C-alpha atoms as a PDB file:
ATOM      1  CA  MET A   1       0.037   0.035   0.058  1.00  0.00           C
ATOM      2  CA  ARG A   2       1.455   3.540  -0.933  1.00  0.00           C
ATOM      3  CA  ASN A   3       1.835   6.094   1.660  1.00  0.00           C
ATOM      4  CA  ARG A   4      -1.107   8.123   0.417  1.00  0.00           C
ATOM      5  CA  SER A   5      -3.329   5.200   0.493  1.00  0.00           C
ATOM      6  CA  LEU A   6      -2.339   4.193   4.104  1.00  0.00           C
ATOM      7  CA  ILE A   7      -2.607   7.799   5.315  1.00  0.00           C
ATOM      8  CA  ARG A   8      -6.125   7.800   3.856  1.00  0.00           C
ATOM      9  CA  VAL A   9      -7.141   4.417   5.312  1.00  0.00           C
ATOM     10  CA  LEU A  10      -5.921   5.405   8.687  1.00  0.00           C
ATOM     11  CA  ALA A  11      -7.754   8.705   8.642  1.00  0.00           C
ATOM     12  CA  ILE A  12     -10.999   6.761   7.626  1.00  0.00           C
ATOM     13  CA  LEU A  13     -10.422   4.511  10.628  1.00  0.00           C
ATOM     14  CA  ARG A  14      -9.985   7.459  12.963  1.00  0.00           C
ATOM     15  CA  HIS A  15     -13.279   8.818  11.767  1.00  0.00           C
ATOM     16  CA  LEU A  16     -14.947   5.473  12.303  1.00  0.00           C
ATOM     17  CA  GLU A  17     -13.301   4.913  15.808  1.00  0.00           C
ATOM     18  CA  GLY A  18     -14.553   8.325  16.918  1.00  0.00           C
ATOM     19  CA  GLY A  19     -18.176   6.929  16.589  1.00  0.00           C
ATOM     20  CA  GLU A  20     -18.875   8.963  13.327  1.00  0.00           C
ATOM     21  CA  ARG A  21     -21.331   7.818  10.872  1.00  0.00           C
ATOM     22  CA  VAL A  22     -19.748   8.861   7.522  1.00  0.00           C
ATOM     23  CA  THR A  23     -20.844   8.939   3.806  1.00  0.00           C
ATOM     24  CA  LEU A  24     -18.728   7.613   0.974  1.00  0.00           C
ATOM     25  CA  ALA A  25     -19.330  11.072  -0.820  1.00  0.00           C
ATOM     26  CA  ARG A  26     -18.198  13.028   2.278  1.00  0.00           C
ATOM     27  CA  LEU A  27     -14.935  10.744   2.692  1.00  0.00           C
ATOM     28  CA  ALA A  28     -14.243  10.957  -0.996  1.00  0.00           C
ATOM     29  CA  GLU A  29     -14.590  14.805  -1.006  1.00  0.00           C
ATOM     30  CA  GLU A  30     -12.287  15.095   2.106  1.00  0.00           C
ATOM     31  CA  HIS A  31      -9.604  12.850   0.462  1.00  0.00           C
ATOM     32  CA  GLY A  32      -9.808  13.992  -3.070  1.00  0.00           C
ATOM     33  CA  VAL A  33     -10.630  10.595  -4.371  1.00  0.00           C
ATOM     34  CA  HIS A  34     -13.481   8.819  -6.154  1.00  0.00           C
ATOM     35  CA  GLN A  35     -16.195   7.014  -4.031  1.00  0.00           C
ATOM     36  CA  ARG A  36     -15.017   3.673  -5.695  1.00  0.00           C
ATOM     37  CA  THR A  37     -11.654   4.324  -3.969  1.00  0.00           C
ATOM     38  CA  ILE A  38     -13.253   4.817  -0.657  1.00  0.00           C
ATOM     39  CA  ARG A  39     -15.393   1.656  -1.200  1.00  0.00           C
ATOM     40  CA  ARG A  40     -12.040  -0.232  -1.730  1.00  0.00           C
ATOM     41  CA  ASP A  41     -10.622   1.312   1.410  1.00  0.00           C
ATOM     42  CA  LEU A  42     -13.507   0.196   3.475  1.00  0.00           C
ATOM     43  CA  ALA A  43     -13.419  -3.260   1.984  1.00  0.00           C
ATOM     44  CA  ALA A  44      -9.633  -3.399   2.926  1.00  0.00           C
ATOM     45  CA  LEU A  45     -10.619  -2.416   6.671  1.00  0.00           C
ATOM     46  CA  GLU A  46     -13.376  -4.980   6.710  1.00  0.00           C
ATOM     47  CA  ALA A  47     -10.940  -7.705   5.361  1.00  0.00           C
ATOM     48  CA  ALA A  48      -8.459  -6.606   8.154  1.00  0.00           C
ATOM     49  CA  GLY A  49     -11.258  -7.506  10.617  1.00  0.00           C
ATOM     50  CA  VAL A  50     -12.441  -4.052  11.333  1.00  0.00           C
ATOM     51  CA  PRO A  51     -16.360  -4.537  12.149  1.00  0.00           C
ATOM     52  CA  LEU A  52     -18.135  -2.026   9.913  1.00  0.00           C
ATOM     53  CA  GLY A  53     -21.960  -1.384   9.561  1.00  0.00           C
ATOM     54  CA  HIS A  54     -23.460   0.369   6.815  1.00  0.00           C
ATOM     55  CA  VAL A  55     -26.936   1.296   5.447  1.00  0.00           C
ATOM     56  CA  PRO A  56     -27.721   1.821   1.723  1.00  0.00           C
ATOM     57  CA  GLU A  57     -28.895   5.139   0.205  1.00  0.00           C
ATOM     58  CA  THR A  58     -32.198   6.279   1.427  1.00  0.00           C
ATOM     59  CA  GLU A  59     -35.187   6.841  -0.813  1.00  0.00           C
ATOM     60  CA  GLU A  60     -34.597  10.629  -0.239  1.00  0.00           C
ATOM     61  CA  GLY A  61     -31.254  10.241  -1.920  1.00  0.00           C
ATOM     62  CA  GLU A  62     -29.180  10.775   1.234  1.00  0.00           C
ATOM     63  CA  GLY A  63     -25.769   8.906   0.920  1.00  0.00           C
ATOM     64  CA  ARG A  64     -24.845   5.509   2.322  1.00  0.00           C
ATOM     65  CA  PHE A  65     -23.704   5.666   5.829  1.00  0.00           C
ATOM     66  CA  TRP A  66     -20.901   3.697   7.433  1.00  0.00           C
ATOM     67  CA  TRP A  67     -19.955   3.330  10.964  1.00  0.00           C
ATOM     68  CA  MET A  68     -17.782   1.055  13.271  1.00  0.00           C
ATOM     69  CA  VAL A  69     -19.733  -1.669  15.003  1.00  0.00           C
ATOM     70  CA  ARG A  70     -19.124  -1.762  18.802  1.00  0.00           C
ATOM     71  CA  LEU A  71     -18.670  -5.351  20.032  1.00  0.00           C
END
């Protein structure tokens, strides 16, 4: 993983550990990448064992939310 990618994934993890519910759009905008990149980052966190929860986009068009599941 390149430095930029690692820094981005760690920043996403910090958001999630802080109890925030974040959208793909917000994370993509904050990090200057496409939402697909954020999806890959979240998939990598899940593959590493980070328990994530998410809800799909709402009918009102609100973005998909992600959060860290507290065990």
